């Protein structure tokens, strides 16, 4: 279905590929889901906690005939160092290079969730952890949320299509408010990109100073144009 073996950003997929995924998902909601992952082992690598993403992935993989293993570095597995060329004299017992190489030998695919630390956004938005997993993995990699949330993008469009057959030209309002703690903007980044990708007219309403990063806004503008 996808020309790229990894699914980490919907912008890397053609609109036809995205439409096909959503169309199949709609069919599988109405009929018995076929065992598309027979005897496949998928590792869900959570560098950050999760409720909805973890449970939905575990249930989905089981329904598709596969087996899901959840690994949480620093909790039920060794803490993982993600930076290249560092001296391993800290808390981390594993380096991501070796860890992903090992997981690639045992599993058929690797799904990863890793939020930025919001200490240096210019570094955070390089998505170092996700790109390191992709670099060292010999198996397909799925993004369960980093600085974007491609899975939620698909769910959003699938939901909208259940109300509107054609999304082109429909008005989409994206809004948020102040929070006392800095939060990940992955969902907002993704909503801006996927709504414009499907031809919707996007309006963003936000408090002063709470703009999305210009990189994501540029993608949304390009999609819109």
N, C-alpha and C. Protein backbone atom coordinates (compact mmCIF):
# COMPACT_ATOMS: atom_id res chain seq x y z
N UNK A 1 0.83 -1.20 0.00
CA UNK A 1 0.00 0.00 0.00
C UNK A 1 0.87 1.26 0.00
N UNK A 2 1.86 1.30 0.89
CA UNK A 2 2.74 2.45 0.97
C UNK A 2 4.05 2.17 0.26
N UNK A 3 4.51 3.11 -0.54
CA UNK A 3 5.77 2.93 -1.23
C UNK A 3 6.94 2.97 -0.25
N UNK A 4 6.79 3.81 0.79
CA UNK A 4 7.81 3.90 1.83
C UNK A 4 7.50 2.86 2.89
N UNK A 5 8.49 2.09 3.34
CA UNK A 5 8.22 1.02 4.31
C UNK A 5 7.84 1.58 5.67
N UNK A 6 8.23 2.83 5.96
CA UNK A 6 7.92 3.45 7.24
C UNK A 6 6.67 4.32 7.13
N UNK A 7 5.96 4.46 8.27
CA UNK A 7 4.84 5.39 8.32
C UNK A 7 5.11 6.34 9.49
N UNK A 8 5.73 7.47 9.18
CA UNK A 8 6.14 8.40 10.23
C UNK A 8 5.57 9.81 10.04
N UNK A 9 5.09 10.13 8.84
CA UNK A 9 4.54 11.45 8.57
C UNK A 9 3.64 11.34 7.34
N UNK A 10 2.41 11.78 7.46
CA UNK A 10 1.48 11.66 6.33
C UNK A 10 1.93 12.46 5.13
N UNK A 11 2.77 13.47 5.35
CA UNK A 11 3.26 14.28 4.23
C UNK A 11 4.17 13.47 3.30
N UNK A 12 4.66 12.33 3.79
CA UNK A 12 5.51 11.45 2.98
C UNK A 12 4.68 10.49 2.13
N UNK A 13 3.36 10.52 2.31
CA UNK A 13 2.47 9.63 1.57
C UNK A 13 1.71 10.44 0.52
N UNK A 14 1.35 9.78 -0.56
CA UNK A 14 0.52 10.44 -1.56
C UNK A 14 -0.90 10.53 -1.04
N UNK A 15 -1.67 11.45 -1.59
CA UNK A 15 -3.06 11.59 -1.19
C UNK A 15 -3.83 10.32 -1.51
N UNK A 16 -3.46 9.66 -2.61
CA UNK A 16 -4.13 8.42 -3.00
C UNK A 16 -3.87 7.33 -1.96
N UNK A 17 -2.65 7.27 -1.44
CA UNK A 17 -2.33 6.27 -0.41
C UNK A 17 -3.13 6.53 0.87
N UNK A 18 -3.22 7.78 1.25
CA UNK A 18 -3.97 8.14 2.46
C UNK A 18 -5.46 7.81 2.28
N UNK A 19 -5.99 8.13 1.11
CA UNK A 19 -7.40 7.84 0.82
C UNK A 19 -7.66 6.33 0.90
N UNK A 20 -6.70 5.56 0.39
CA UNK A 20 -6.87 4.10 0.39
C UNK A 20 -6.86 3.55 1.81
N UNK A 21 -5.96 4.07 2.66
CA UNK A 21 -5.91 3.63 4.05
C UNK A 21 -7.23 3.92 4.75
N UNK A 22 -7.74 5.13 4.58
CA UNK A 22 -8.98 5.54 5.24
C UNK A 22 -10.17 4.73 4.71
N UNK A 23 -10.17 4.47 3.41
CA UNK A 23 -11.25 3.69 2.82
C UNK A 23 -11.27 2.27 3.38
N UNK A 24 -10.10 1.64 3.48
CA UNK A 24 -10.02 0.29 4.04
C UNK A 24 -10.43 0.27 5.51
N UNK A 25 -9.99 1.28 6.26
CA UNK A 25 -10.36 1.36 7.67
C UNK A 25 -11.87 1.44 7.83
N UNK A 26 -12.52 2.20 6.93
CA UNK A 26 -13.97 2.32 6.98
C UNK A 26 -14.65 0.98 6.73
N UNK A 27 -14.09 0.22 5.81
CA UNK A 27 -14.64 -1.11 5.51
C UNK A 27 -14.47 -2.03 6.71
N UNK A 28 -13.29 -1.98 7.34
CA UNK A 28 -13.01 -2.89 8.45
C UNK A 28 -13.81 -2.54 9.71
N UNK A 29 -14.36 -1.33 9.77
CA UNK A 29 -15.24 -0.99 10.89
C UNK A 29 -16.58 -1.72 10.78
N UNK A 30 -16.94 -2.12 9.57
CA UNK A 30 -18.25 -2.71 9.33
C UNK A 30 -18.22 -4.22 9.19
N UNK A 31 -17.06 -4.78 8.90
CA UNK A 31 -16.96 -6.23 8.70
C UNK A 31 -15.90 -6.81 9.64
N UNK A 32 -15.84 -8.11 9.69
CA UNK A 32 -14.84 -8.78 10.51
C UNK A 32 -13.45 -8.45 9.97
N UNK A 33 -12.57 -7.98 10.84
CA UNK A 33 -11.24 -7.56 10.42
C UNK A 33 -10.40 -8.78 10.00
N UNK A 34 -9.84 -8.78 8.79
CA UNK A 34 -9.02 -9.90 8.36
C UNK A 34 -7.69 -9.93 9.12
N UNK A 35 -7.12 -11.11 9.24
CA UNK A 35 -5.85 -11.27 9.96
C UNK A 35 -4.70 -10.86 9.03
N UNK A 36 -4.48 -9.56 8.96
CA UNK A 36 -3.46 -9.02 8.06
C UNK A 36 -2.05 -9.12 8.64
N UNK A 37 -1.95 -9.43 9.94
CA UNK A 37 -0.63 -9.55 10.59
C UNK A 37 -0.47 -10.94 11.22
N UNK A 38 -0.68 -12.01 10.45
CA UNK A 38 -0.61 -13.35 11.04
C UNK A 38 0.80 -13.67 11.54
N UNK A 39 0.89 -14.01 12.83
CA UNK A 39 2.16 -14.40 13.45
C UNK A 39 3.22 -13.30 13.39
N UNK A 40 2.80 -12.05 13.24
CA UNK A 40 3.76 -10.95 13.23
C UNK A 40 3.90 -10.39 14.65
N UNK A 41 5.13 -10.08 15.02
CA UNK A 41 5.43 -9.52 16.32
C UNK A 41 5.79 -8.05 16.17
N UNK A 42 5.06 -7.18 16.86
CA UNK A 42 5.25 -5.74 16.77
C UNK A 42 5.66 -5.22 18.15
N UNK A 43 6.74 -4.45 18.22
CA UNK A 43 7.14 -3.85 19.49
C UNK A 43 6.67 -2.41 19.53
N UNK A 44 6.04 -2.05 20.65
CA UNK A 44 5.56 -0.69 20.87
C UNK A 44 6.52 -0.05 21.87
N UNK A 45 7.32 0.86 21.38
CA UNK A 45 8.40 1.46 22.17
C UNK A 45 7.91 2.81 22.69
N UNK A 46 7.63 2.87 24.00
CA UNK A 46 7.08 4.08 24.60
C UNK A 46 8.13 4.78 25.46
N UNK A 47 8.70 5.85 24.92
CA UNK A 47 9.59 6.69 25.70
C UNK A 47 8.79 7.63 26.59
N UNK A 48 7.48 7.75 26.30
CA UNK A 48 6.57 8.58 27.08
C UNK A 48 5.32 7.76 27.41
N UNK A 49 4.64 8.08 28.49
CA UNK A 49 3.42 7.34 28.87
C UNK A 49 2.32 7.50 27.82
N UNK A 50 1.37 6.59 27.87
CA UNK A 50 0.28 6.65 26.91
C UNK A 50 -0.93 5.89 27.47
N UNK A 51 -2.10 6.36 27.14
CA UNK A 51 -3.33 5.63 27.46
C UNK A 51 -4.03 5.19 26.18
N UNK A 52 -4.50 6.17 25.39
CA UNK A 52 -5.28 5.86 24.19
C UNK A 52 -4.45 5.20 23.09
N UNK A 53 -3.27 5.77 22.84
CA UNK A 53 -2.43 5.22 21.77
C UNK A 53 -2.00 3.80 22.10
N UNK A 54 -1.58 3.58 23.34
CA UNK A 54 -1.12 2.24 23.73
C UNK A 54 -2.25 1.22 23.62
N UNK A 55 -3.39 1.53 24.21
CA UNK A 55 -4.47 0.55 24.20
C UNK A 55 -5.00 0.31 22.79
N UNK A 56 -5.13 1.37 22.00
CA UNK A 56 -5.64 1.18 20.64
C UNK A 56 -4.69 0.36 19.78
N UNK A 57 -3.38 0.58 19.94
CA UNK A 57 -2.41 -0.20 19.17
C UNK A 57 -2.41 -1.66 19.61
N UNK A 58 -2.43 -1.90 20.91
CA UNK A 58 -2.41 -3.28 21.39
C UNK A 58 -3.63 -4.05 20.89
N UNK A 59 -4.81 -3.46 21.01
CA UNK A 59 -6.04 -4.12 20.59
C UNK A 59 -6.05 -4.32 19.08
N UNK A 60 -5.63 -3.28 18.34
CA UNK A 60 -5.64 -3.38 16.87
C UNK A 60 -4.72 -4.48 16.37
N UNK A 61 -3.52 -4.54 16.94
CA UNK A 61 -2.56 -5.55 16.50
C UNK A 61 -3.09 -6.95 16.78
N UNK A 62 -3.71 -7.13 17.96
CA UNK A 62 -4.28 -8.44 18.30
C UNK A 62 -5.39 -8.81 17.32
N UNK A 63 -6.28 -7.83 17.02
CA UNK A 63 -7.38 -8.12 16.10
C UNK A 63 -6.89 -8.44 14.70
N UNK A 64 -5.71 -7.91 14.35
CA UNK A 64 -5.14 -8.17 13.03
C UNK A 64 -4.34 -9.46 13.00
N UNK A 65 -4.32 -10.17 14.13
CA UNK A 65 -3.64 -11.46 14.18
C UNK A 65 -2.21 -11.42 14.63
N UNK A 66 -1.71 -10.25 15.05
CA UNK A 66 -0.33 -10.13 15.48
C UNK A 66 -0.21 -10.12 17.00
N UNK A 67 1.03 -9.96 17.46
CA UNK A 67 1.32 -9.90 18.90
C UNK A 67 2.08 -8.62 19.19
N UNK A 68 1.62 -7.88 20.20
CA UNK A 68 2.25 -6.62 20.55
C UNK A 68 3.00 -6.73 21.86
N UNK A 69 4.26 -6.26 21.86
CA UNK A 69 5.05 -6.15 23.08
C UNK A 69 5.23 -4.68 23.40
N UNK A 70 4.94 -4.28 24.63
CA UNK A 70 5.14 -2.91 25.07
C UNK A 70 6.44 -2.81 25.85
N UNK A 71 7.31 -1.91 25.44
CA UNK A 71 8.57 -1.67 26.14
C UNK A 71 8.64 -0.19 26.50
N UNK A 72 8.94 0.09 27.77
CA UNK A 72 9.06 1.46 28.25
C UNK A 72 10.48 1.68 28.79
N UNK A 73 11.37 2.21 27.96
CA UNK A 73 12.75 2.44 28.41
C UNK A 73 12.78 3.29 29.69
N UNK A 74 13.58 2.82 30.64
CA UNK A 74 13.68 3.52 31.92
C UNK A 74 12.67 3.05 32.94
N UNK A 75 11.72 2.21 32.51
CA UNK A 75 10.72 1.67 33.45
C UNK A 75 10.81 0.15 33.50
N UNK A 76 10.34 -0.51 32.43
CA UNK A 76 10.42 -1.97 32.42
C UNK A 76 11.57 -2.46 31.53
N UNK A 77 12.39 -1.54 31.06
CA UNK A 77 13.58 -1.89 30.27
C UNK A 77 14.66 -0.85 30.58
N UNK A 78 15.90 -1.16 30.18
CA UNK A 78 17.00 -0.23 30.44
C UNK A 78 16.71 1.14 29.85
N UNK A 79 17.16 2.16 30.54
CA UNK A 79 17.09 3.51 29.98
C UNK A 79 18.00 3.59 28.76
N UNK A 80 17.54 4.30 27.74
CA UNK A 80 18.24 4.33 26.45
C UNK A 80 18.83 5.71 26.18
N UNK A 81 20.10 5.74 25.83
CA UNK A 81 20.76 6.97 25.39
C UNK A 81 20.44 7.17 23.92
N UNK A 82 19.98 8.37 23.56
CA UNK A 82 19.55 8.62 22.19
C UNK A 82 20.49 9.51 21.40
N UNK A 83 21.46 10.13 22.06
CA UNK A 83 22.38 11.03 21.36
C UNK A 83 23.58 10.26 20.82
N UNK A 84 24.04 10.68 19.65
CA UNK A 84 25.20 10.06 19.03
C UNK A 84 26.49 10.59 19.67
N UNK A 85 27.50 9.75 19.78
CA UNK A 85 28.84 10.17 20.17
C UNK A 85 29.01 10.61 21.61
N UNK A 86 28.09 10.19 22.50
CA UNK A 86 28.22 10.58 23.90
C UNK A 86 28.93 9.50 24.71
N UNK A 87 29.56 9.90 25.80
CA UNK A 87 30.18 8.95 26.72
C UNK A 87 29.07 8.35 27.58
N UNK A 88 29.01 7.03 27.65
CA UNK A 88 27.93 6.36 28.38
C UNK A 88 28.25 6.29 29.87
N UNK A 89 28.30 7.45 30.50
CA UNK A 89 28.60 7.49 31.93
C UNK A 89 27.43 8.05 32.74
N UNK A 90 26.24 8.06 32.13
CA UNK A 90 25.05 8.56 32.80
C UNK A 90 24.15 7.42 33.26
N UNK A 91 22.85 7.70 33.33
CA UNK A 91 21.89 6.70 33.80
C UNK A 91 21.56 5.65 32.75
N UNK A 92 21.74 6.00 31.47
CA UNK A 92 21.37 5.07 30.40
C UNK A 92 22.31 3.88 30.33
N UNK A 93 21.74 2.69 30.25
CA UNK A 93 22.52 1.46 30.15
C UNK A 93 22.66 0.97 28.71
N UNK A 94 21.74 1.43 27.85
CA UNK A 94 21.73 1.00 26.45
C UNK A 94 21.87 2.23 25.56
N UNK A 95 22.48 2.03 24.39
CA UNK A 95 22.46 3.08 23.38
C UNK A 95 21.43 2.69 22.34
N UNK A 96 20.76 3.70 21.78
CA UNK A 96 19.68 3.43 20.85
C UNK A 96 20.15 2.62 19.64
N UNK A 97 21.40 2.79 19.24
CA UNK A 97 21.93 2.04 18.11
C UNK A 97 21.84 0.55 18.36
N UNK A 98 22.35 0.11 19.54
CA UNK A 98 22.33 -1.31 19.85
C UNK A 98 20.90 -1.79 20.16
N UNK A 99 20.15 -0.96 20.89
CA UNK A 99 18.80 -1.36 21.28
C UNK A 99 17.92 -1.62 20.06
N UNK A 100 17.94 -0.71 19.11
CA UNK A 100 17.10 -0.87 17.92
C UNK A 100 17.60 -2.02 17.05
N UNK A 101 18.90 -2.22 17.01
CA UNK A 101 19.44 -3.35 16.25
C UNK A 101 18.94 -4.67 16.82
N UNK A 102 18.88 -4.77 18.15
CA UNK A 102 18.38 -5.98 18.80
C UNK A 102 16.89 -6.17 18.51
N UNK A 103 16.11 -5.11 18.70
CA UNK A 103 14.67 -5.20 18.47
C UNK A 103 14.36 -5.56 17.03
N UNK A 104 15.17 -5.09 16.11
CA UNK A 104 14.96 -5.39 14.69
C UNK A 104 15.12 -6.88 14.39
N UNK A 105 15.91 -7.56 15.21
CA UNK A 105 16.11 -9.00 14.99
C UNK A 105 14.95 -9.83 15.54
N UNK A 106 14.28 -9.30 16.56
CA UNK A 106 13.20 -10.06 17.19
C UNK A 106 11.82 -9.72 16.65
N UNK A 107 11.65 -8.51 16.16
CA UNK A 107 10.31 -8.04 15.79
C UNK A 107 10.21 -7.76 14.29
N UNK A 108 8.95 -7.77 13.83
CA UNK A 108 8.68 -7.51 12.41
C UNK A 108 8.45 -6.05 12.11
N UNK A 109 8.19 -5.24 13.14
CA UNK A 109 8.00 -3.80 12.98
C UNK A 109 8.20 -3.14 14.34
N UNK A 110 8.56 -1.86 14.30
CA UNK A 110 8.80 -1.10 15.52
C UNK A 110 7.93 0.16 15.48
N UNK A 111 7.10 0.33 16.50
CA UNK A 111 6.31 1.56 16.64
C UNK A 111 6.89 2.34 17.81
N UNK A 112 7.00 3.66 17.65
CA UNK A 112 7.69 4.47 18.66
C UNK A 112 6.90 5.73 19.00
N UNK A 113 6.91 6.05 20.30
CA UNK A 113 6.29 7.28 20.81
C UNK A 113 7.34 8.00 21.65
N UNK A 114 7.71 9.20 21.24
CA UNK A 114 8.76 9.93 21.96
C UNK A 114 8.53 11.43 21.80
N UNK A 115 8.09 12.06 22.89
CA UNK A 115 7.85 13.49 22.86
C UNK A 115 9.16 14.26 22.99
N UNK A 116 9.21 15.47 22.47
CA UNK A 116 10.38 16.32 22.72
C UNK A 116 10.42 16.76 24.18
N UNK A 117 11.60 17.18 24.64
CA UNK A 117 11.75 17.60 26.03
C UNK A 117 11.44 19.08 26.23
N UNK A 118 11.29 19.84 25.15
CA UNK A 118 10.97 21.25 25.19
C UNK A 118 12.01 22.06 25.98
N UNK A 119 13.26 21.65 25.84
CA UNK A 119 14.36 22.41 26.44
C UNK A 119 15.07 23.24 25.37
N UNK A 120 15.07 22.72 24.15
CA UNK A 120 15.67 23.41 23.01
C UNK A 120 14.86 23.02 21.78
N UNK A 121 13.89 23.88 21.42
CA UNK A 121 12.97 23.51 20.36
C UNK A 121 13.67 23.31 19.02
N UNK A 122 14.71 24.06 18.76
CA UNK A 122 15.42 23.89 17.49
C UNK A 122 16.01 22.48 17.37
N UNK A 123 16.40 21.91 18.50
CA UNK A 123 16.87 20.52 18.51
C UNK A 123 15.68 19.56 18.56
N UNK A 124 14.69 19.90 19.37
CA UNK A 124 13.52 19.03 19.52
C UNK A 124 12.87 18.73 18.18
N UNK A 125 12.73 19.76 17.34
CA UNK A 125 11.98 19.55 16.10
C UNK A 125 12.76 18.78 15.03
N UNK A 126 13.99 18.40 15.37
CA UNK A 126 14.73 17.50 14.48
C UNK A 126 14.27 16.06 14.65
N UNK A 127 13.45 15.82 15.70
CA UNK A 127 12.90 14.48 15.94
C UNK A 127 14.03 13.43 16.00
N UNK A 128 15.01 13.70 16.85
CA UNK A 128 16.23 12.89 16.91
C UNK A 128 15.93 11.44 17.24
N UNK A 129 15.07 11.19 18.23
CA UNK A 129 14.81 9.82 18.65
C UNK A 129 14.16 9.02 17.53
N UNK A 130 13.11 9.57 16.94
CA UNK A 130 12.42 8.87 15.86
C UNK A 130 13.37 8.61 14.69
N UNK A 131 14.14 9.61 14.32
CA UNK A 131 15.06 9.43 13.19
C UNK A 131 16.18 8.44 13.50
N UNK A 132 16.56 8.35 14.77
CA UNK A 132 17.56 7.35 15.16
C UNK A 132 16.99 5.95 15.05
N UNK A 133 15.73 5.80 15.45
CA UNK A 133 15.07 4.49 15.31
C UNK A 133 15.02 4.10 13.84
N UNK A 134 14.63 5.04 12.99
CA UNK A 134 14.57 4.77 11.55
C UNK A 134 15.96 4.41 11.01
N UNK A 135 16.97 5.13 11.46
CA UNK A 135 18.34 4.91 10.98
C UNK A 135 18.84 3.51 11.29
N UNK A 136 18.57 3.03 12.51
CA UNK A 136 19.15 1.77 12.96
C UNK A 136 18.23 0.57 12.79
N UNK A 137 16.97 0.82 12.45
CA UNK A 137 16.03 -0.30 12.30
C UNK A 137 16.12 -0.91 10.90
N UNK A 138 16.07 -2.22 10.85
CA UNK A 138 16.00 -2.91 9.57
C UNK A 138 14.56 -3.34 9.26
N UNK A 139 13.64 -2.94 10.12
CA UNK A 139 12.22 -3.28 9.95
C UNK A 139 11.40 -2.00 9.84
N UNK A 140 10.17 -2.08 9.36
CA UNK A 140 9.33 -0.88 9.23
C UNK A 140 9.13 -0.17 10.57
N UNK A 141 9.09 1.15 10.51
CA UNK A 141 8.92 1.98 11.71
C UNK A 141 7.61 2.77 11.59
N UNK A 142 6.86 2.80 12.68
CA UNK A 142 5.59 3.53 12.73
C UNK A 142 5.69 4.60 13.82
N UNK A 143 5.26 5.80 13.49
CA UNK A 143 5.27 6.92 14.44
C UNK A 143 3.96 6.93 15.22
N UNK A 144 4.05 6.67 16.54
CA UNK A 144 2.86 6.71 17.40
C UNK A 144 2.68 8.08 18.06
N UNK A 145 3.49 9.03 17.75
CA UNK A 145 3.44 10.44 18.13
C UNK A 145 4.81 10.91 18.59
N UNK A 146 5.30 11.92 17.89
CA UNK A 146 6.53 12.60 18.29
C UNK A 146 6.22 14.11 18.23
N UNK A 147 6.73 14.81 17.23
CA UNK A 147 6.34 16.21 17.05
C UNK A 147 5.16 16.31 16.09
N UNK A 148 4.77 15.20 15.53
CA UNK A 148 3.53 15.08 14.76
C UNK A 148 2.84 13.79 15.19
N UNK A 149 1.58 13.66 14.83
CA UNK A 149 0.79 12.49 15.25
C UNK A 149 0.04 11.95 14.03
N UNK A 150 0.72 11.23 13.14
CA UNK A 150 0.09 10.80 11.89
C UNK A 150 -1.10 9.87 12.09
N UNK A 151 -1.07 9.05 13.13
CA UNK A 151 -2.20 8.15 13.37
C UNK A 151 -3.46 8.94 13.72
N UNK A 152 -3.31 9.96 14.54
CA UNK A 152 -4.46 10.78 14.88
C UNK A 152 -4.94 11.57 13.67
N UNK A 153 -4.03 11.92 12.77
CA UNK A 153 -4.43 12.59 11.54
C UNK A 153 -5.41 11.72 10.75
N UNK A 154 -5.07 10.44 10.62
CA UNK A 154 -5.93 9.52 9.88
C UNK A 154 -7.28 9.38 10.57
N UNK A 155 -7.26 9.28 11.91
CA UNK A 155 -8.51 9.15 12.65
C UNK A 155 -9.37 10.40 12.49
N UNK A 156 -8.72 11.56 12.48
CA UNK A 156 -9.45 12.81 12.32
C UNK A 156 -10.15 12.86 10.96
N UNK A 157 -9.41 12.55 9.91
CA UNK A 157 -9.99 12.61 8.56
C UNK A 157 -11.07 11.55 8.40
N UNK A 158 -10.83 10.38 8.96
CA UNK A 158 -11.83 9.31 8.87
C UNK A 158 -13.13 9.73 9.56
N UNK A 159 -13.00 10.40 10.71
CA UNK A 159 -14.18 10.88 11.43
C UNK A 159 -14.92 11.94 10.63
N UNK A 160 -14.17 12.90 10.08
CA UNK A 160 -14.80 13.96 9.29
C UNK A 160 -15.50 13.40 8.06
N UNK A 161 -14.88 12.38 7.45
CA UNK A 161 -15.49 11.78 6.25
C UNK A 161 -16.77 11.02 6.57
N UNK A 162 -16.94 10.65 7.84
CA UNK A 162 -18.19 9.99 8.23
C UNK A 162 -19.35 10.98 8.25
N UNK A 163 -19.02 12.28 8.29
CA UNK A 163 -20.04 13.33 8.27
C UNK A 163 -20.14 14.00 6.90
N UNK A 164 -19.00 14.13 6.23
CA UNK A 164 -18.95 14.82 4.94
C UNK A 164 -18.25 13.92 3.91
N UNK A 165 -18.93 13.62 2.84
CA UNK A 165 -18.34 12.78 1.81
C UNK A 165 -17.14 13.46 1.18
N UNK A 166 -17.27 14.75 0.92
CA UNK A 166 -16.20 15.52 0.28
C UNK A 166 -15.75 16.61 1.24
N UNK A 167 -14.46 16.60 1.61
CA UNK A 167 -13.94 17.59 2.56
C UNK A 167 -13.43 18.85 1.88
N UNK A 168 -13.25 18.82 0.58
CA UNK A 168 -12.69 19.96 -0.14
C UNK A 168 -13.58 21.19 0.03
N UNK A 169 -12.97 22.29 0.52
CA UNK A 169 -13.71 23.52 0.69
C UNK A 169 -14.43 23.67 2.02
N UNK A 170 -14.47 22.57 2.80
CA UNK A 170 -15.11 22.66 4.11
C UNK A 170 -14.23 23.48 5.05
N UNK A 171 -14.86 24.23 5.97
CA UNK A 171 -14.14 25.08 6.91
C UNK A 171 -13.73 24.27 8.15
N UNK A 172 -12.45 24.37 8.50
CA UNK A 172 -11.93 23.63 9.64
C UNK A 172 -11.32 24.63 10.63
N UNK A 173 -11.87 24.69 11.84
CA UNK A 173 -11.35 25.59 12.87
C UNK A 173 -10.47 24.82 13.84
N UNK A 174 -9.23 25.25 13.98
CA UNK A 174 -8.27 24.65 14.91
C UNK A 174 -8.00 25.65 16.02
N UNK A 175 -8.30 25.28 17.24
CA UNK A 175 -8.16 26.25 18.33
C UNK A 175 -7.66 25.59 19.61
N UNK A 176 -6.98 26.35 20.44
CA UNK A 176 -6.52 25.88 21.74
C UNK A 176 -6.39 27.09 22.66
N UNK A 177 -6.15 26.80 23.93
CA UNK A 177 -6.07 27.88 24.90
C UNK A 177 -4.82 27.72 25.76
N UNK A 178 -4.66 28.62 26.70
CA UNK A 178 -3.49 28.63 27.58
C UNK A 178 -3.48 27.41 28.48
N UNK A 179 -2.30 26.89 28.76
CA UNK A 179 -2.11 25.83 29.76
C UNK A 179 -0.90 26.22 30.59
N UNK A 180 -0.96 26.01 31.92
CA UNK A 180 0.16 26.44 32.77
C UNK A 180 1.45 25.69 32.52
N UNK A 181 1.37 24.56 31.82
CA UNK A 181 2.56 23.76 31.53
C UNK A 181 2.72 23.63 30.03
N UNK A 182 3.95 23.70 29.56
CA UNK A 182 4.18 23.54 28.13
C UNK A 182 3.82 22.15 27.66
N UNK A 183 2.96 22.05 26.66
CA UNK A 183 2.50 20.75 26.16
C UNK A 183 2.96 20.52 24.73
N UNK A 184 2.98 19.25 24.37
CA UNK A 184 3.35 18.88 23.00
C UNK A 184 2.33 19.42 22.01
N UNK A 185 2.80 20.01 20.95
CA UNK A 185 1.92 20.57 19.92
C UNK A 185 1.72 19.62 18.75
N UNK A 186 2.06 18.35 18.92
CA UNK A 186 2.00 17.39 17.82
C UNK A 186 0.61 17.30 17.20
N UNK A 187 -0.43 17.25 18.04
CA UNK A 187 -1.79 17.11 17.52
C UNK A 187 -2.19 18.34 16.71
N UNK A 188 -1.84 19.52 17.21
CA UNK A 188 -2.15 20.75 16.48
C UNK A 188 -1.35 20.83 15.18
N UNK A 189 -0.07 20.49 15.24
CA UNK A 189 0.76 20.47 14.03
C UNK A 189 0.12 19.56 12.97
N UNK A 190 -0.28 18.38 13.41
CA UNK A 190 -0.84 17.40 12.49
C UNK A 190 -2.18 17.84 11.94
N UNK A 191 -3.02 18.41 12.80
CA UNK A 191 -4.34 18.85 12.35
C UNK A 191 -4.23 19.93 11.27
N UNK A 192 -3.26 20.84 11.45
CA UNK A 192 -3.07 21.90 10.46
C UNK A 192 -2.63 21.31 9.13
N UNK A 193 -1.76 20.31 9.17
CA UNK A 193 -1.24 19.75 7.93
C UNK A 193 -2.24 18.84 7.22
N UNK A 194 -2.92 17.97 7.98
CA UNK A 194 -3.80 16.99 7.32
C UNK A 194 -5.09 17.64 6.83
N UNK A 195 -5.61 18.64 7.54
CA UNK A 195 -6.85 19.29 7.08
C UNK A 195 -6.63 20.00 5.75
N UNK A 196 -5.49 20.68 5.63
CA UNK A 196 -5.18 21.37 4.37
C UNK A 196 -4.82 20.37 3.27
N UNK A 197 -4.26 19.26 3.66
CA UNK A 197 -3.90 18.22 2.67
C UNK A 197 -5.16 17.69 1.98
N UNK A 198 -6.25 17.64 2.74
CA UNK A 198 -7.49 17.14 2.17
C UNK A 198 -8.39 18.27 1.66
N UNK A 199 -7.80 19.45 1.46
CA UNK A 199 -8.51 20.52 0.77
C UNK A 199 -9.44 21.35 1.63
N UNK A 200 -9.29 21.26 2.95
CA UNK A 200 -10.16 22.05 3.81
C UNK A 200 -9.61 23.47 3.98
N UNK A 201 -10.52 24.40 4.29
CA UNK A 201 -10.13 25.78 4.54
C UNK A 201 -9.84 25.93 6.04
N UNK A 202 -8.59 26.13 6.37
CA UNK A 202 -8.15 26.12 7.76
C UNK A 202 -8.14 27.52 8.36
N UNK A 203 -8.74 27.64 9.54
CA UNK A 203 -8.63 28.84 10.36
C UNK A 203 -8.04 28.44 11.70
N UNK A 204 -7.01 29.16 12.15
CA UNK A 204 -6.39 28.87 13.45
C UNK A 204 -6.71 30.01 14.41
N UNK A 205 -7.29 29.65 15.56
CA UNK A 205 -7.63 30.61 16.60
C UNK A 205 -6.84 30.24 17.85
N UNK A 206 -5.98 31.16 18.31
CA UNK A 206 -5.12 30.84 19.45
C UNK A 206 -4.79 32.10 20.23
N UNK A 207 -4.39 31.97 21.49
CA UNK A 207 -4.00 33.15 22.27
C UNK A 207 -2.75 33.78 21.65
N UNK A 208 -2.53 35.08 21.87
CA UNK A 208 -1.32 35.75 21.36
C UNK A 208 -0.06 35.04 21.86
N UNK A 209 0.86 34.82 20.93
CA UNK A 209 2.12 34.20 21.30
C UNK A 209 2.12 32.68 21.27
N UNK A 210 0.97 32.09 20.95
CA UNK A 210 0.88 30.63 20.93
C UNK A 210 0.79 30.11 19.50
N UNK A 211 1.58 30.68 18.63
CA UNK A 211 1.59 30.25 17.24
C UNK A 211 2.23 28.87 17.10
N UNK A 212 1.83 28.15 16.08
CA UNK A 212 2.52 26.92 15.73
C UNK A 212 3.87 27.27 15.11
N UNK A 213 4.79 26.33 15.17
CA UNK A 213 6.09 26.53 14.56
C UNK A 213 5.92 26.82 13.06
N UNK A 214 6.72 27.72 12.56
CA UNK A 214 6.60 28.15 11.17
C UNK A 214 6.82 27.00 10.19
N UNK A 215 7.61 26.01 10.56
CA UNK A 215 7.83 24.87 9.66
C UNK A 215 6.52 24.16 9.34
N UNK A 216 5.69 23.98 10.35
CA UNK A 216 4.41 23.29 10.15
C UNK A 216 3.41 24.20 9.45
N UNK A 217 3.48 25.49 9.76
CA UNK A 217 2.60 26.44 9.08
C UNK A 217 2.94 26.52 7.59
N UNK A 218 4.21 26.41 7.28
CA UNK A 218 4.65 26.46 5.88
C UNK A 218 4.10 25.25 5.12
N UNK A 219 4.11 24.09 5.76
CA UNK A 219 3.55 22.89 5.12
C UNK A 219 2.05 23.07 4.90
N UNK A 220 1.35 23.60 5.89
CA UNK A 220 -0.09 23.82 5.76
C UNK A 220 -0.40 24.79 4.62
N UNK A 221 0.41 25.87 4.54
CA UNK A 221 0.20 26.84 3.47
C UNK A 221 0.45 26.21 2.08
N UNK A 222 1.48 25.39 2.01
CA UNK A 222 1.79 24.72 0.74
C UNK A 222 0.66 23.79 0.35
N UNK A 223 0.15 23.02 1.32
CA UNK A 223 -0.98 22.14 1.05
C UNK A 223 -2.17 22.94 0.56
N UNK A 224 -2.45 24.06 1.24
CA UNK A 224 -3.61 24.88 0.90
C UNK A 224 -3.49 25.45 -0.50
N UNK A 225 -2.27 25.83 -0.88
CA UNK A 225 -2.08 26.45 -2.19
C UNK A 225 -2.23 25.43 -3.32
